[in-house]
Amino acid sequence: MKRQVLDNTTSLEKFQQKLALLEDHNRRNNVRITGISTGREGNNTIAFLQEMLPKWIPSLGNKTIEIEKTHRIYGPHAKGNIPQSMILRLLRHGDCNAILNGAREVTKNAPIQDASRSLCFYADYSAHMSQHRKALRAYRSLYGKRASHLS
């Protein structure tokens, strides 16, 4: 009986890891943006983002970013009037990298601003991957730049 329980536990853990990998693979073309005021995008979120992304991230100026879909993540607010995160699903993974790398370069000098709010751009990870990355933060702070491959 104990052997069967152990086998089932091992199988369950293996399936959970596979599911997490599939979820992360499905999210690889997603970008999470925080700080855009609710309603700022109007009725056409995709057109708004295609217009504003090159303004926020100048390196995207000569690149056509194709966005499949967008949505906001609604849930309880942590603090008062904080806008909800927006997720954009891009057609190409290269566009996702261009946005994230461009945002990283711009924020080295100053935060990205829209309507007096600071915007932040993140890769959209699953809860499993977020926990894994959070656990590695301590090592990154210990080893600095040498551990940049851990993120």
N, C-alpha and C. Protein backbone atom coordinates (compact mmCIF):
# COMPACT_ATOMS: atom_id res chain seq x y z
N MET A 1 0.82 -1.20 0.00
CA MET A 1 0.00 0.00 0.00
C MET A 1 0.87 1.26 0.00
N LYS A 2 1.92 1.28 0.87
CA LYS A 2 2.81 2.43 0.93
C LYS A 2 3.51 2.64 -0.41
N ARG A 3 3.89 1.55 -1.04
CA ARG A 3 4.58 1.62 -2.34
C ARG A 3 3.67 2.27 -3.39
N GLN A 4 2.41 1.89 -3.38
CA GLN A 4 1.46 2.44 -4.34
C GLN A 4 1.26 3.94 -4.10
N VAL A 5 1.18 4.35 -2.86
CA VAL A 5 1.03 5.77 -2.52
C VAL A 5 2.25 6.54 -2.99
N LEU A 6 3.45 5.99 -2.77
CA LEU A 6 4.67 6.65 -3.22
C LEU A 6 4.72 6.76 -4.74
N ASP A 7 4.32 5.69 -5.42
CA ASP A 7 4.29 5.72 -6.89
C ASP A 7 3.30 6.77 -7.39
N ASN A 8 2.14 6.84 -6.77
CA ASN A 8 1.14 7.82 -7.16
C ASN A 8 1.62 9.25 -6.89
N THR A 9 2.30 9.44 -5.78
CA THR A 9 2.84 10.77 -5.45
C THR A 9 3.88 11.18 -6.47
N THR A 10 4.75 10.25 -6.83
CA THR A 10 5.78 10.52 -7.83
C THR A 10 5.15 10.85 -9.18
N SER A 11 4.14 10.09 -9.57
CA SER A 11 3.45 10.36 -10.83
C SER A 11 2.77 11.71 -10.81
N LEU A 12 2.15 12.05 -9.70
CA LEU A 12 1.48 13.34 -9.58
C LEU A 12 2.47 14.49 -9.71
N GLU A 13 3.61 14.37 -9.06
CA GLU A 13 4.63 15.42 -9.14
C GLU A 13 5.15 15.55 -10.57
N LYS A 14 5.32 14.42 -11.25
CA LYS A 14 5.80 14.45 -12.63
C LYS A 14 4.78 15.16 -13.53
N PHE A 15 3.49 14.87 -13.34
CA PHE A 15 2.44 15.51 -14.14
C PHE A 15 2.32 17.00 -13.82
N GLN A 16 2.52 17.36 -12.57
CA GLN A 16 2.47 18.78 -12.21
C GLN A 16 3.62 19.54 -12.87
N GLN A 17 4.80 18.94 -12.93
CA GLN A 17 5.93 19.58 -13.61
C GLN A 17 5.67 19.71 -15.11
N LYS A 18 5.09 18.68 -15.71
CA LYS A 18 4.76 18.75 -17.14
C LYS A 18 3.72 19.83 -17.41
N LEU A 19 2.73 19.91 -16.54
CA LEU A 19 1.69 20.92 -16.69
C LEU A 19 2.28 22.33 -16.56
N ALA A 20 3.17 22.53 -15.61
CA ALA A 20 3.82 23.83 -15.43
C ALA A 20 4.64 24.19 -16.67
N LEU A 21 5.36 23.22 -17.23
CA LEU A 21 6.13 23.48 -18.45
C LEU A 21 5.23 23.85 -19.61
N LEU A 22 4.11 23.15 -19.75
CA LEU A 22 3.16 23.48 -20.82
C LEU A 22 2.58 24.87 -20.64
N GLU A 23 2.25 25.22 -19.40
CA GLU A 23 1.70 26.54 -19.13
C GLU A 23 2.73 27.64 -19.45
N ASP A 24 3.97 27.44 -19.05
CA ASP A 24 5.01 28.42 -19.35
C ASP A 24 5.26 28.52 -20.86
N HIS A 25 5.22 27.39 -21.53
CA HIS A 25 5.39 27.40 -22.99
C HIS A 25 4.26 28.18 -23.65
N ASN A 26 3.05 28.01 -23.16
CA ASN A 26 1.89 28.72 -23.69
C ASN A 26 1.99 30.23 -23.44
N ARG A 27 2.66 30.64 -22.39
CA ARG A 27 2.76 32.05 -22.02
C ARG A 27 4.01 32.73 -22.59
N ARG A 28 4.82 32.04 -23.35
CA ARG A 28 6.10 32.60 -23.77
C ARG A 28 5.97 33.84 -24.63
N ASN A 29 4.84 34.04 -25.29
CA ASN A 29 4.63 35.22 -26.13
C ASN A 29 3.84 36.31 -25.41
N ASN A 30 3.67 36.18 -24.11
CA ASN A 30 2.90 37.16 -23.34
C ASN A 30 3.81 38.18 -22.68
N VAL A 31 3.31 39.42 -22.61
CA VAL A 31 3.97 40.48 -21.86
C VAL A 31 2.94 41.06 -20.90
N ARG A 32 3.36 41.27 -19.66
CA ARG A 32 2.49 41.86 -18.64
C ARG A 32 2.93 43.31 -18.44
N ILE A 33 1.96 44.22 -18.56
CA ILE A 33 2.25 45.64 -18.35
C ILE A 33 1.45 46.11 -17.14
N THR A 34 2.12 46.77 -16.21
CA THR A 34 1.43 47.35 -15.07
C THR A 34 1.56 48.87 -15.13
N GLY A 35 0.53 49.56 -14.66
CA GLY A 35 0.58 51.01 -14.56
C GLY A 35 -0.29 51.75 -15.54
N ILE A 36 -0.85 51.08 -16.54
CA ILE A 36 -1.73 51.77 -17.49
C ILE A 36 -3.07 52.01 -16.80
N SER A 37 -3.48 53.26 -16.74
CA SER A 37 -4.74 53.61 -16.06
C SER A 37 -5.91 52.87 -16.69
N THR A 38 -6.82 52.41 -15.87
CA THR A 38 -8.00 51.71 -16.34
C THR A 38 -8.81 52.63 -17.24
N GLY A 39 -9.17 52.15 -18.42
CA GLY A 39 -9.94 52.93 -19.37
C GLY A 39 -9.10 53.79 -20.29
N ARG A 40 -7.82 53.90 -20.03
CA ARG A 40 -6.93 54.73 -20.85
C ARG A 40 -6.88 54.24 -22.28
N GLU A 41 -7.02 52.95 -22.48
CA GLU A 41 -6.90 52.36 -23.80
C GLU A 41 -8.13 52.56 -24.68
N GLY A 42 -9.25 52.99 -24.09
CA GLY A 42 -10.47 53.19 -24.87
C GLY A 42 -11.09 51.88 -25.31
N ASN A 43 -11.75 51.90 -26.46
CA ASN A 43 -12.46 50.71 -26.95
C ASN A 43 -11.57 49.73 -27.70
N ASN A 44 -10.44 50.21 -28.24
CA ASN A 44 -9.57 49.35 -29.03
C ASN A 44 -8.19 49.27 -28.38
N THR A 45 -8.02 48.30 -27.53
CA THR A 45 -6.78 48.16 -26.77
C THR A 45 -5.59 47.86 -27.68
N ILE A 46 -5.81 47.02 -28.69
CA ILE A 46 -4.71 46.64 -29.57
C ILE A 46 -4.19 47.86 -30.33
N ALA A 47 -5.09 48.66 -30.89
CA ALA A 47 -4.67 49.87 -31.62
C ALA A 47 -3.96 50.84 -30.68
N PHE A 48 -4.46 50.98 -29.46
CA PHE A 48 -3.83 51.86 -28.47
C PHE A 48 -2.40 51.42 -28.20
N LEU A 49 -2.20 50.12 -27.97
CA LEU A 49 -0.86 49.62 -27.66
C LEU A 49 0.07 49.70 -28.87
N GLN A 50 -0.44 49.43 -30.08
CA GLN A 50 0.40 49.54 -31.27
C GLN A 50 0.84 50.98 -31.50
N GLU A 51 0.01 51.93 -31.09
CA GLU A 51 0.38 53.34 -31.20
C GLU A 51 1.35 53.75 -30.10
N MET A 52 1.11 53.29 -28.87
CA MET A 52 1.88 53.78 -27.72
C MET A 52 3.20 53.04 -27.49
N LEU A 53 3.29 51.77 -27.82
CA LEU A 53 4.53 51.03 -27.56
C LEU A 53 5.76 51.71 -28.17
N PRO A 54 5.72 52.16 -29.44
CA PRO A 54 6.91 52.86 -29.97
C PRO A 54 7.20 54.18 -29.26
N LYS A 55 6.19 54.82 -28.68
CA LYS A 55 6.42 56.05 -27.93
C LYS A 55 7.07 55.75 -26.58
N TRP A 56 6.64 54.69 -25.94
CA TRP A 56 7.21 54.30 -24.65
C TRP A 56 8.60 53.69 -24.82
N ILE A 57 8.76 52.90 -25.89
CA ILE A 57 10.01 52.18 -26.13
C ILE A 57 10.49 52.57 -27.53
N PRO A 58 11.34 53.58 -27.64
CA PRO A 58 11.76 54.09 -28.95
C PRO A 58 12.41 53.06 -29.87
N SER A 59 13.04 52.03 -29.33
CA SER A 59 13.68 51.02 -30.18
C SER A 59 12.67 50.23 -31.01
N LEU A 60 11.38 50.34 -30.68
CA LEU A 60 10.33 49.64 -31.44
C LEU A 60 9.80 50.50 -32.58
N GLY A 61 10.33 51.70 -32.75
CA GLY A 61 9.81 52.65 -33.72
C GLY A 61 9.72 52.13 -35.14
N ASN A 62 10.69 51.35 -35.60
CA ASN A 62 10.69 50.86 -36.97
C ASN A 62 10.20 49.42 -37.08
N LYS A 63 9.63 48.90 -36.03
CA LYS A 63 9.20 47.49 -35.98
C LYS A 63 7.68 47.43 -35.84
N THR A 64 7.06 46.57 -36.63
CA THR A 64 5.62 46.36 -36.52
C THR A 64 5.37 45.26 -35.50
N ILE A 65 4.71 45.61 -34.42
CA ILE A 65 4.39 44.64 -33.37
C ILE A 65 2.98 44.12 -33.63
N GLU A 66 2.86 42.82 -33.83
CA GLU A 66 1.54 42.23 -34.07
C GLU A 66 1.03 41.62 -32.78
N ILE A 67 -0.09 42.15 -32.30
CA ILE A 67 -0.68 41.72 -31.04
C ILE A 67 -1.90 40.85 -31.36
N GLU A 68 -1.92 39.64 -30.83
CA GLU A 68 -3.06 38.74 -31.04
C GLU A 68 -4.26 39.19 -30.23
N LYS A 69 -4.04 39.38 -28.92
CA LYS A 69 -5.14 39.79 -28.05
C LYS A 69 -4.58 40.43 -26.80
N THR A 70 -5.44 41.15 -26.11
CA THR A 70 -5.08 41.79 -24.85
C THR A 70 -6.22 41.61 -23.86
N HIS A 71 -5.89 41.64 -22.60
CA HIS A 71 -6.92 41.67 -21.56
C HIS A 71 -6.30 42.17 -20.27
N ARG A 72 -7.17 42.65 -19.41
CA ARG A 72 -6.73 43.08 -18.08
C ARG A 72 -6.98 41.94 -17.11
N ILE A 73 -6.17 41.91 -16.07
CA ILE A 73 -6.34 40.92 -15.01
C ILE A 73 -7.07 41.61 -13.89
N TYR A 74 -8.30 41.23 -13.68
CA TYR A 74 -9.10 41.85 -12.63
C TYR A 74 -9.07 40.99 -11.38
N GLY A 75 -9.05 41.64 -10.26
CA GLY A 75 -9.00 40.96 -8.98
C GLY A 75 -9.00 41.99 -7.88
N PRO A 76 -8.84 41.56 -6.66
CA PRO A 76 -8.83 42.52 -5.56
C PRO A 76 -7.62 43.44 -5.64
N HIS A 77 -7.85 44.71 -5.35
CA HIS A 77 -6.76 45.69 -5.32
C HIS A 77 -5.98 45.55 -4.03
N ALA A 78 -4.67 45.61 -4.15
CA ALA A 78 -3.82 45.56 -2.96
C ALA A 78 -3.86 46.90 -2.23
N LYS A 79 -3.77 47.99 -2.99
CA LYS A 79 -3.77 49.31 -2.39
C LYS A 79 -4.63 50.24 -3.23
N GLY A 80 -5.70 50.70 -2.71
CA GLY A 80 -6.52 51.74 -3.31
C GLY A 80 -6.66 51.75 -4.81
N ASN A 81 -6.15 52.81 -5.46
CA ASN A 81 -6.42 53.08 -6.86
C ASN A 81 -5.26 52.62 -7.77
N ILE A 82 -4.86 51.38 -7.67
CA ILE A 82 -3.80 50.85 -8.51
C ILE A 82 -4.44 50.22 -9.74
N PRO A 83 -4.00 50.60 -10.96
CA PRO A 83 -4.57 49.99 -12.15
C PRO A 83 -4.23 48.50 -12.24
N GLN A 84 -5.14 47.75 -12.83
CA GLN A 84 -4.92 46.32 -12.99
C GLN A 84 -3.88 46.07 -14.07
N SER A 85 -3.20 44.96 -13.99
CA SER A 85 -2.22 44.57 -15.00
C SER A 85 -2.91 44.29 -16.32
N MET A 86 -2.17 44.51 -17.40
CA MET A 86 -2.66 44.19 -18.73
C MET A 86 -1.73 43.14 -19.32
N ILE A 87 -2.32 42.12 -19.93
CA ILE A 87 -1.56 41.07 -20.59
C ILE A 87 -1.74 41.23 -22.09
N LEU A 88 -0.63 41.23 -22.83
CA LEU A 88 -0.75 41.20 -24.28
C LEU A 88 -0.12 39.94 -24.80
N ARG A 89 -0.83 39.30 -25.67
CA ARG A 89 -0.31 38.09 -26.34
C ARG A 89 0.14 38.52 -27.72
N LEU A 90 1.43 38.29 -27.98
CA LEU A 90 2.02 38.71 -29.25
C LEU A 90 2.09 37.55 -30.22
N LEU A 91 2.08 37.89 -31.49
CA LEU A 91 2.12 36.86 -32.52
C LEU A 91 3.48 36.18 -32.57
N ARG A 92 4.54 36.94 -32.33
CA ARG A 92 5.90 36.40 -32.44
C ARG A 92 6.66 36.56 -31.12
N HIS A 93 7.45 35.53 -30.81
CA HIS A 93 8.26 35.57 -29.60
C HIS A 93 9.33 36.66 -29.71
N GLY A 94 9.82 36.91 -30.90
CA GLY A 94 10.82 37.96 -31.10
C GLY A 94 10.28 39.33 -30.72
N ASP A 95 8.99 39.57 -30.96
CA ASP A 95 8.37 40.84 -30.56
C ASP A 95 8.34 40.96 -29.04
N CYS A 96 8.07 39.84 -28.38
CA CYS A 96 8.05 39.82 -26.91
C CYS A 96 9.43 40.20 -26.37
N ASN A 97 10.47 39.58 -26.94
CA ASN A 97 11.83 39.90 -26.51
C ASN A 97 12.18 41.35 -26.81
N ALA A 98 11.76 41.86 -27.98
CA ALA A 98 12.06 43.24 -28.34
C ALA A 98 11.42 44.21 -27.35
N ILE A 99 10.19 43.94 -26.93
CA ILE A 99 9.50 44.81 -25.96
C ILE A 99 10.21 44.76 -24.61
N LEU A 100 10.49 43.56 -24.12
CA LEU A 100 11.11 43.42 -22.80
C LEU A 100 12.53 44.00 -22.78
N ASN A 101 13.31 43.73 -23.82
CA ASN A 101 14.68 44.27 -23.87
C ASN A 101 14.66 45.78 -24.05
N GLY A 102 13.75 46.28 -24.90
CA GLY A 102 13.63 47.72 -25.10
C GLY A 102 13.21 48.43 -23.83
N ALA A 103 12.25 47.85 -23.11
CA ALA A 103 11.80 48.45 -21.84
C ALA A 103 12.93 48.44 -20.82
N ARG A 104 13.72 47.39 -20.79
CA ARG A 104 14.86 47.30 -19.87
C ARG A 104 15.87 48.41 -20.18
N GLU A 105 16.13 48.66 -21.46
CA GLU A 105 17.08 49.70 -21.85
C GLU A 105 16.56 51.09 -21.49
N VAL A 106 15.27 51.34 -21.75
CA VAL A 106 14.70 52.66 -21.47
C VAL A 106 14.71 52.94 -19.97
N THR A 107 14.37 51.94 -19.16
CA THR A 107 14.27 52.16 -17.72
C THR A 107 15.62 52.29 -17.04
N LYS A 108 16.71 52.05 -17.76
CA LYS A 108 18.04 52.30 -17.18
C LYS A 108 18.23 53.79 -16.93
N ASN A 109 17.63 54.62 -17.78
CA ASN A 109 17.77 56.07 -17.65
C ASN A 109 16.66 56.69 -16.80
N ALA A 110 15.43 56.29 -17.05
CA ALA A 110 14.28 56.85 -16.32
C ALA A 110 13.11 55.90 -16.49
N PRO A 111 12.16 55.93 -15.56
CA PRO A 111 11.00 55.05 -15.70
C PRO A 111 10.15 55.43 -16.92
N ILE A 112 9.49 54.44 -17.48
CA ILE A 112 8.59 54.69 -18.60
C ILE A 112 7.32 55.30 -18.04
N GLN A 113 6.91 56.44 -18.58
CA GLN A 113 5.76 57.18 -18.05
C GLN A 113 4.62 57.20 -19.06
N ASP A 114 3.40 57.10 -18.56
CA ASP A 114 2.20 57.30 -19.36
C ASP A 114 1.18 57.98 -18.48
N ALA A 115 0.74 59.16 -18.90
CA ALA A 115 -0.26 59.92 -18.15
C ALA A 115 0.14 60.02 -16.67
N SER A 116 1.36 60.41 -16.42
CA SER A 116 1.95 60.60 -15.08
C SER A 116 2.01 59.33 -14.23
N ARG A 117 1.91 58.17 -14.84
CA ARG A 117 2.05 56.90 -14.14
C ARG A 117 3.27 56.17 -14.68
N SER A 118 3.98 55.50 -13.81
CA SER A 118 5.13 54.68 -14.24
C SER A 118 4.62 53.33 -14.73
N LEU A 119 5.15 52.91 -15.86
CA LEU A 119 4.79 51.62 -16.42
C LEU A 119 5.91 50.62 -16.18
N CYS A 120 5.54 49.37 -15.98
CA CYS A 120 6.51 48.29 -15.84
C CYS A 120 6.13 47.18 -16.80
N PHE A 121 7.13 46.59 -17.44
CA PHE A 121 6.94 45.52 -18.41
C PHE A 121 7.59 44.26 -17.86
N TYR A 122 6.85 43.15 -17.88
CA TYR A 122 7.34 41.88 -17.34
C TYR A 122 7.00 40.75 -18.30
N ALA A 123 7.79 39.70 -18.25
CA ALA A 123 7.40 38.45 -18.90
C ALA A 123 6.27 37.86 -18.06
N ASP A 124 5.32 37.21 -18.70
CA ASP A 124 4.17 36.65 -18.00
C ASP A 124 4.46 35.19 -17.66
N TYR A 125 4.84 34.94 -16.41
CA TYR A 125 5.18 33.59 -15.98
C TYR A 125 4.03 32.95 -15.21
N SER A 126 4.02 31.61 -15.21
CA SER A 126 3.05 30.87 -14.42
C SER A 126 3.39 31.01 -12.94
N ALA A 127 2.45 30.62 -12.09
CA ALA A 127 2.68 30.69 -10.64
C ALA A 127 3.87 29.80 -10.25
N HIS A 128 3.98 28.64 -10.87
CA HIS A 128 5.08 27.72 -10.57
C HIS A 128 6.43 28.37 -10.90
N MET A 129 6.54 28.97 -12.08
CA MET A 129 7.79 29.61 -12.48
C MET A 129 8.08 30.84 -11.62
N SER A 130 7.04 31.58 -11.26
CA SER A 130 7.23 32.75 -10.40
C SER A 130 7.81 32.35 -9.05
N GLN A 131 7.31 31.25 -8.48
CA GLN A 131 7.84 30.76 -7.21
C GLN A 131 9.29 30.32 -7.37
N HIS A 132 9.58 29.67 -8.47
CA HIS A 132 10.95 29.21 -8.73
C HIS A 132 11.90 30.40 -8.85
N ARG A 133 11.50 31.43 -9.59
CA ARG A 133 12.33 32.62 -9.76
C ARG A 133 12.50 33.37 -8.44
N LYS A 134 11.44 33.39 -7.64
CA LYS A 134 11.52 34.06 -6.34
C LYS A 134 12.52 33.36 -5.43
N ALA A 135 12.55 32.04 -5.49
CA ALA A 135 13.50 31.28 -4.68
C ALA A 135 14.94 31.55 -5.11
N LEU A 136 15.16 31.86 -6.38
CA LEU A 136 16.51 32.12 -6.88
C LEU A 136 16.98 33.55 -6.64
N ARG A 137 16.10 34.45 -6.24
CA ARG A 137 16.48 35.85 -6.01
C ARG A 137 17.60 35.98 -4.98
N ALA A 138 17.55 35.18 -3.94
CA ALA A 138 18.58 35.25 -2.90
C ALA A 138 19.95 34.95 -3.50
N TYR A 139 20.03 33.96 -4.38
CA TYR A 139 21.30 33.62 -5.02
C TYR A 139 21.76 34.72 -5.96
N ARG A 140 20.82 35.32 -6.67
CA ARG A 140 21.18 36.41 -7.58
C ARG A 140 21.76 37.59 -6.81
N SER A 141 21.17 37.90 -5.66
CA SER A 141 21.70 39.03 -4.89
C SER A 141 23.07 38.69 -4.29
N LEU A 142 23.30 37.42 -3.97
CA LEU A 142 24.60 37.00 -3.45
C LEU A 142 25.69 37.07 -4.51
N TYR A 143 25.35 36.62 -5.72
CA TYR A 143 26.35 36.50 -6.76
C TYR A 143 26.30 37.60 -7.80
N GLY A 144 25.32 38.49 -7.70
CA GLY A 144 25.26 39.64 -8.60
C GLY A 144 25.17 39.27 -10.06
N LYS A 145 25.94 39.96 -10.87
CA LYS A 145 25.91 39.78 -12.33
C LYS A 145 26.28 38.36 -12.74
N ARG A 146 27.12 37.71 -11.99
CA ARG A 146 27.56 36.36 -12.37
C ARG A 146 26.38 35.39 -12.38
N ALA A 147 25.30 35.67 -11.66
CA ALA A 147 24.16 34.77 -11.58
C ALA A 147 22.99 35.25 -12.44
N SER A 148 23.26 36.14 -13.41
CA SER A 148 22.16 36.66 -14.22
C SER A 148 21.49 35.58 -15.05
N HIS A 149 22.17 34.50 -15.35
CA HIS A 149 21.58 33.41 -16.11
C HIS A 149 20.53 32.63 -15.29
N LEU A 150 20.44 32.88 -13.99
CA LEU A 150 19.49 32.16 -13.15
C LEU A 150 18.08 32.71 -13.28
N SER A 151 17.91 33.87 -13.87
CA SER A 151 16.56 34.44 -13.94
C SER A 151 15.87 34.10 -15.22
